[in-house]
Amino acid sequence: MQIIPMRDLKNTKDIEQRCAKENGPIYVTKNGYGSLVVMNIDYYEKTMQKIYEAKLLMEGLTDIKNKETVNGSTALNEIWSKYGIQ
């Protein structure tokens, strides 16, 4: 994990290279306290995808816990009926 002071943000080329090399976030401090996080777009997109997938898993686990599920053949029959598939 890299931590840099706010004043180092002036050198954008260096920050961009650090983000690519680290493949992770860079924490930016102001007056010794956390202020910003900088990351490259690839890392951001991967992180957002993981969050989305975790959200879907949590929704599925909640459905199971609340017994809001149907078995596979019932689900397929409902889909086939809805779309007129024989």
N, C-alpha and C. Protein backbone atom coordinates (compact mmCIF):
# COMPACT_ATOMS: atom_id res chain seq x y z
N MET A 1 0.84 -1.16 0.00
CA MET A 1 0.00 0.00 0.00
C MET A 1 0.89 1.24 0.00
N GLN A 2 0.58 2.12 -0.92
CA GLN A 2 1.36 3.36 -0.99
C GLN A 2 0.56 4.51 -0.38
N ILE A 3 1.26 5.33 0.37
CA ILE A 3 0.66 6.52 0.96
C ILE A 3 1.53 7.70 0.54
N ILE A 4 0.89 8.72 0.00
CA ILE A 4 1.62 9.90 -0.44
C ILE A 4 0.94 11.16 0.09
N PRO A 5 1.69 12.24 0.27
CA PRO A 5 1.07 13.50 0.68
C PRO A 5 0.38 14.18 -0.51
N MET A 6 -0.57 15.01 -0.20
CA MET A 6 -1.36 15.71 -1.22
C MET A 6 -0.48 16.46 -2.22
N ARG A 7 0.60 17.03 -1.76
CA ARG A 7 1.45 17.83 -2.65
C ARG A 7 2.05 17.00 -3.78
N ASP A 8 2.18 15.68 -3.59
CA ASP A 8 2.73 14.81 -4.63
C ASP A 8 1.77 14.59 -5.80
N LEU A 9 0.52 15.00 -5.66
CA LEU A 9 -0.44 14.83 -6.74
C LEU A 9 -0.12 15.72 -7.94
N LYS A 10 0.75 16.68 -7.76
CA LYS A 10 1.13 17.57 -8.85
C LYS A 10 1.80 16.81 -9.98
N ASN A 11 2.51 15.74 -9.64
CA ASN A 11 3.22 14.95 -10.64
C ASN A 11 2.30 13.82 -11.12
N THR A 12 1.37 14.16 -12.01
CA THR A 12 0.35 13.20 -12.43
C THR A 12 0.93 12.00 -13.18
N LYS A 13 1.98 12.22 -13.94
CA LYS A 13 2.59 11.11 -14.68
C LYS A 13 3.15 10.08 -13.71
N ASP A 14 3.82 10.53 -12.67
CA ASP A 14 4.37 9.62 -11.66
C ASP A 14 3.25 8.86 -10.94
N ILE A 15 2.17 9.55 -10.61
CA ILE A 15 1.04 8.91 -9.93
C ILE A 15 0.43 7.84 -10.84
N GLU A 16 0.26 8.17 -12.10
CA GLU A 16 -0.29 7.21 -13.05
C GLU A 16 0.59 5.96 -13.15
N GLN A 17 1.90 6.14 -13.21
CA GLN A 17 2.83 5.02 -13.28
C GLN A 17 2.78 4.19 -12.00
N ARG A 18 2.70 4.85 -10.86
CA ARG A 18 2.61 4.12 -9.59
C ARG A 18 1.35 3.27 -9.53
N CYS A 19 0.23 3.84 -9.95
CA CYS A 19 -1.04 3.10 -9.95
C CYS A 19 -0.94 1.86 -10.82
N ALA A 20 -0.36 2.00 -12.00
CA ALA A 20 -0.22 0.88 -12.91
C ALA A 20 0.71 -0.19 -12.33
N LYS A 21 1.80 0.25 -11.73
CA LYS A 21 2.78 -0.68 -11.17
C LYS A 21 2.22 -1.42 -9.96
N GLU A 22 1.57 -0.71 -9.07
CA GLU A 22 1.03 -1.30 -7.85
C GLU A 22 -0.21 -2.15 -8.11
N ASN A 23 -0.95 -1.80 -9.19
CA ASN A 23 -2.22 -2.44 -9.48
C ASN A 23 -3.13 -2.41 -8.24
N GLY A 24 -3.15 -1.25 -7.63
CA GLY A 24 -3.96 -1.05 -6.45
C GLY A 24 -4.05 0.43 -6.15
N PRO A 25 -4.76 0.78 -5.09
CA PRO A 25 -4.95 2.19 -4.78
C PRO A 25 -3.73 2.84 -4.14
N ILE A 26 -3.67 4.14 -4.30
CA ILE A 26 -2.68 4.96 -3.62
C ILE A 26 -3.46 5.87 -2.68
N TYR A 27 -3.10 5.88 -1.43
CA TYR A 27 -3.79 6.69 -0.43
C TYR A 27 -3.09 8.04 -0.34
N VAL A 28 -3.89 9.09 -0.39
CA VAL A 28 -3.36 10.45 -0.37
C VAL A 28 -3.74 11.08 0.97
N THR A 29 -2.74 11.67 1.63
CA THR A 29 -2.98 12.29 2.92
C THR A 29 -2.90 13.81 2.82
N LYS A 30 -3.61 14.45 3.72
CA LYS A 30 -3.56 15.91 3.84
C LYS A 30 -3.42 16.20 5.32
N ASN A 31 -2.34 16.89 5.67
CA ASN A 31 -2.05 17.19 7.07
C ASN A 31 -1.97 15.92 7.92
N GLY A 32 -1.47 14.84 7.32
CA GLY A 32 -1.27 13.59 8.05
C GLY A 32 -2.48 12.69 8.15
N TYR A 33 -3.60 13.09 7.56
CA TYR A 33 -4.82 12.30 7.62
C TYR A 33 -5.26 11.88 6.23
N GLY A 34 -5.91 10.74 6.13
CA GLY A 34 -6.40 10.27 4.85
C GLY A 34 -7.37 11.26 4.22
N SER A 35 -7.21 11.49 2.93
CA SER A 35 -8.05 12.47 2.25
C SER A 35 -8.64 11.90 0.95
N LEU A 36 -7.82 11.22 0.15
CA LEU A 36 -8.24 10.71 -1.15
C LEU A 36 -7.66 9.33 -1.40
N VAL A 37 -8.25 8.65 -2.37
CA VAL A 37 -7.69 7.40 -2.88
C VAL A 37 -7.63 7.54 -4.39
N VAL A 38 -6.48 7.21 -4.97
CA VAL A 38 -6.29 7.29 -6.41
C VAL A 38 -6.00 5.88 -6.91
N MET A 39 -6.67 5.49 -8.01
CA MET A 39 -6.41 4.17 -8.59
C MET A 39 -6.60 4.24 -10.10
N ASN A 40 -5.99 3.29 -10.80
CA ASN A 40 -6.19 3.29 -12.25
C ASN A 40 -7.54 2.66 -12.58
N ILE A 41 -7.98 2.91 -13.79
CA ILE A 41 -9.34 2.51 -14.18
C ILE A 41 -9.52 0.99 -14.18
N ASP A 42 -8.49 0.23 -14.55
CA ASP A 42 -8.60 -1.23 -14.54
C ASP A 42 -8.87 -1.75 -13.14
N TYR A 43 -8.11 -1.25 -12.17
CA TYR A 43 -8.31 -1.67 -10.78
C TYR A 43 -9.70 -1.27 -10.29
N TYR A 44 -10.13 -0.07 -10.64
CA TYR A 44 -11.45 0.40 -10.25
C TYR A 44 -12.55 -0.50 -10.82
N GLU A 45 -12.46 -0.81 -12.12
CA GLU A 45 -13.49 -1.64 -12.75
C GLU A 45 -13.52 -3.04 -12.15
N LYS A 46 -12.35 -3.62 -11.88
CA LYS A 46 -12.31 -4.94 -11.25
C LYS A 46 -12.93 -4.90 -9.86
N THR A 47 -12.63 -3.86 -9.11
CA THR A 47 -13.17 -3.72 -7.77
C THR A 47 -14.69 -3.56 -7.81
N MET A 48 -15.19 -2.74 -8.72
CA MET A 48 -16.63 -2.55 -8.84
C MET A 48 -17.32 -3.84 -9.26
N GLN A 49 -16.69 -4.63 -10.13
CA GLN A 49 -17.26 -5.91 -10.55
C GLN A 49 -17.35 -6.87 -9.36
N LYS A 50 -16.31 -6.90 -8.54
CA LYS A 50 -16.34 -7.76 -7.35
C LYS A 50 -17.45 -7.35 -6.39
N ILE A 51 -17.64 -6.05 -6.23
CA ILE A 51 -18.70 -5.56 -5.35
C ILE A 51 -20.06 -5.97 -5.90
N TYR A 52 -20.25 -5.83 -7.19
CA TYR A 52 -21.51 -6.21 -7.83
C TYR A 52 -21.78 -7.71 -7.64
N GLU A 53 -20.76 -8.53 -7.85
CA GLU A 53 -20.92 -9.97 -7.70
C GLU A 53 -21.23 -10.34 -6.26
N ALA A 54 -20.56 -9.69 -5.31
CA ALA A 54 -20.83 -9.95 -3.89
C ALA A 54 -22.26 -9.56 -3.53
N LYS A 55 -22.75 -8.47 -4.09
CA LYS A 55 -24.13 -8.03 -3.85
C LYS A 55 -25.12 -9.08 -4.36
N LEU A 56 -24.86 -9.62 -5.56
CA LEU A 56 -25.74 -10.65 -6.11
C LEU A 56 -25.73 -11.90 -5.24
N LEU A 57 -24.55 -12.28 -4.76
CA LEU A 57 -24.46 -13.45 -3.88
C LEU A 57 -25.23 -13.23 -2.59
N MET A 58 -25.10 -12.05 -2.01
CA MET A 58 -25.82 -11.75 -0.77
C MET A 58 -27.33 -11.78 -1.00
N GLU A 59 -27.79 -11.27 -2.14
CA GLU A 59 -29.22 -11.33 -2.46
C GLU A 59 -29.68 -12.77 -2.59
N GLY A 60 -28.87 -13.61 -3.22
CA GLY A 60 -29.21 -15.02 -3.37
C GLY A 60 -29.26 -15.73 -2.03
N LEU A 61 -28.30 -15.44 -1.17
CA LEU A 61 -28.29 -16.06 0.16
C LEU A 61 -29.50 -15.60 0.98
N THR A 62 -29.88 -14.35 0.82
CA THR A 62 -31.08 -13.85 1.51
C THR A 62 -32.32 -14.57 1.00
N ASP A 63 -32.41 -14.78 -0.31
CA ASP A 63 -33.54 -15.52 -0.87
C ASP A 63 -33.60 -16.93 -0.29
N ILE A 64 -32.46 -17.58 -0.19
CA ILE A 64 -32.42 -18.94 0.38
C ILE A 64 -32.87 -18.91 1.84
N LYS A 65 -32.34 -17.96 2.59
CA LYS A 65 -32.69 -17.84 4.02
C LYS A 65 -34.19 -17.61 4.19
N ASN A 66 -34.79 -16.79 3.32
CA ASN A 66 -36.20 -16.47 3.42
C ASN A 66 -37.10 -17.46 2.68
N LYS A 67 -36.47 -18.53 2.19
CA LYS A 67 -37.19 -19.58 1.45
C LYS A 67 -37.96 -19.01 0.26
N GLU A 68 -37.32 -18.10 -0.45
CA GLU A 68 -37.91 -17.48 -1.64
C GLU A 68 -37.25 -18.03 -2.89
N THR A 69 -37.23 -19.36 -2.99
CA THR A 69 -36.60 -20.02 -4.12
C THR A 69 -37.56 -21.06 -4.69
N VAL A 70 -37.28 -21.49 -5.91
CA VAL A 70 -38.00 -22.60 -6.52
C VAL A 70 -36.95 -23.56 -7.09
N ASN A 71 -37.34 -24.80 -7.26
CA ASN A 71 -36.37 -25.75 -7.82
C ASN A 71 -36.18 -25.49 -9.30
N GLY A 72 -35.15 -26.05 -9.86
CA GLY A 72 -34.76 -25.78 -11.24
C GLY A 72 -35.82 -26.12 -12.27
N SER A 73 -36.46 -27.28 -12.14
CA SER A 73 -37.46 -27.67 -13.14
C SER A 73 -38.67 -26.75 -13.09
N THR A 74 -39.07 -26.33 -11.90
CA THR A 74 -40.19 -25.39 -11.78
C THR A 74 -39.84 -24.07 -12.44
N ALA A 75 -38.63 -23.58 -12.20
CA ALA A 75 -38.20 -22.31 -12.80
C ALA A 75 -38.19 -22.41 -14.32
N LEU A 76 -37.65 -23.50 -14.85
CA LEU A 76 -37.61 -23.68 -16.30
C LEU A 76 -39.02 -23.74 -16.89
N ASN A 77 -39.91 -24.48 -16.24
CA ASN A 77 -41.29 -24.58 -16.73
C ASN A 77 -41.96 -23.20 -16.75
N GLU A 78 -41.72 -22.40 -15.74
CA GLU A 78 -42.29 -21.05 -15.70
C GLU A 78 -41.74 -20.19 -16.83
N ILE A 79 -40.46 -20.29 -17.10
CA ILE A 79 -39.83 -19.51 -18.18
C ILE A 79 -40.38 -19.97 -19.52
N TRP A 80 -40.45 -21.28 -19.72
CA TRP A 80 -40.96 -21.81 -20.98
C TRP A 80 -42.40 -21.37 -21.21
N SER A 81 -43.20 -21.42 -20.18
CA SER A 81 -44.61 -21.00 -20.31
C SER A 81 -44.71 -19.52 -20.61
N LYS A 82 -43.92 -18.73 -19.95
CA LYS A 82 -43.96 -17.28 -20.15
C LYS A 82 -43.64 -16.90 -21.58
N TYR A 83 -42.66 -17.58 -22.16
CA TYR A 83 -42.20 -17.23 -23.52
C TYR A 83 -42.73 -18.18 -24.61
N GLY A 84 -43.66 -19.04 -24.26
CA GLY A 84 -44.28 -19.92 -25.24
C GLY A 84 -43.33 -20.94 -25.84
N ILE A 85 -42.39 -21.41 -25.06
CA ILE A 85 -41.44 -22.41 -25.53
C ILE A 85 -41.97 -23.79 -25.14
N GLN A 86 -41.97 -24.69 -26.10
CA GLN A 86 -42.49 -26.05 -25.83
C GLN A 86 -41.41 -26.96 -25.34
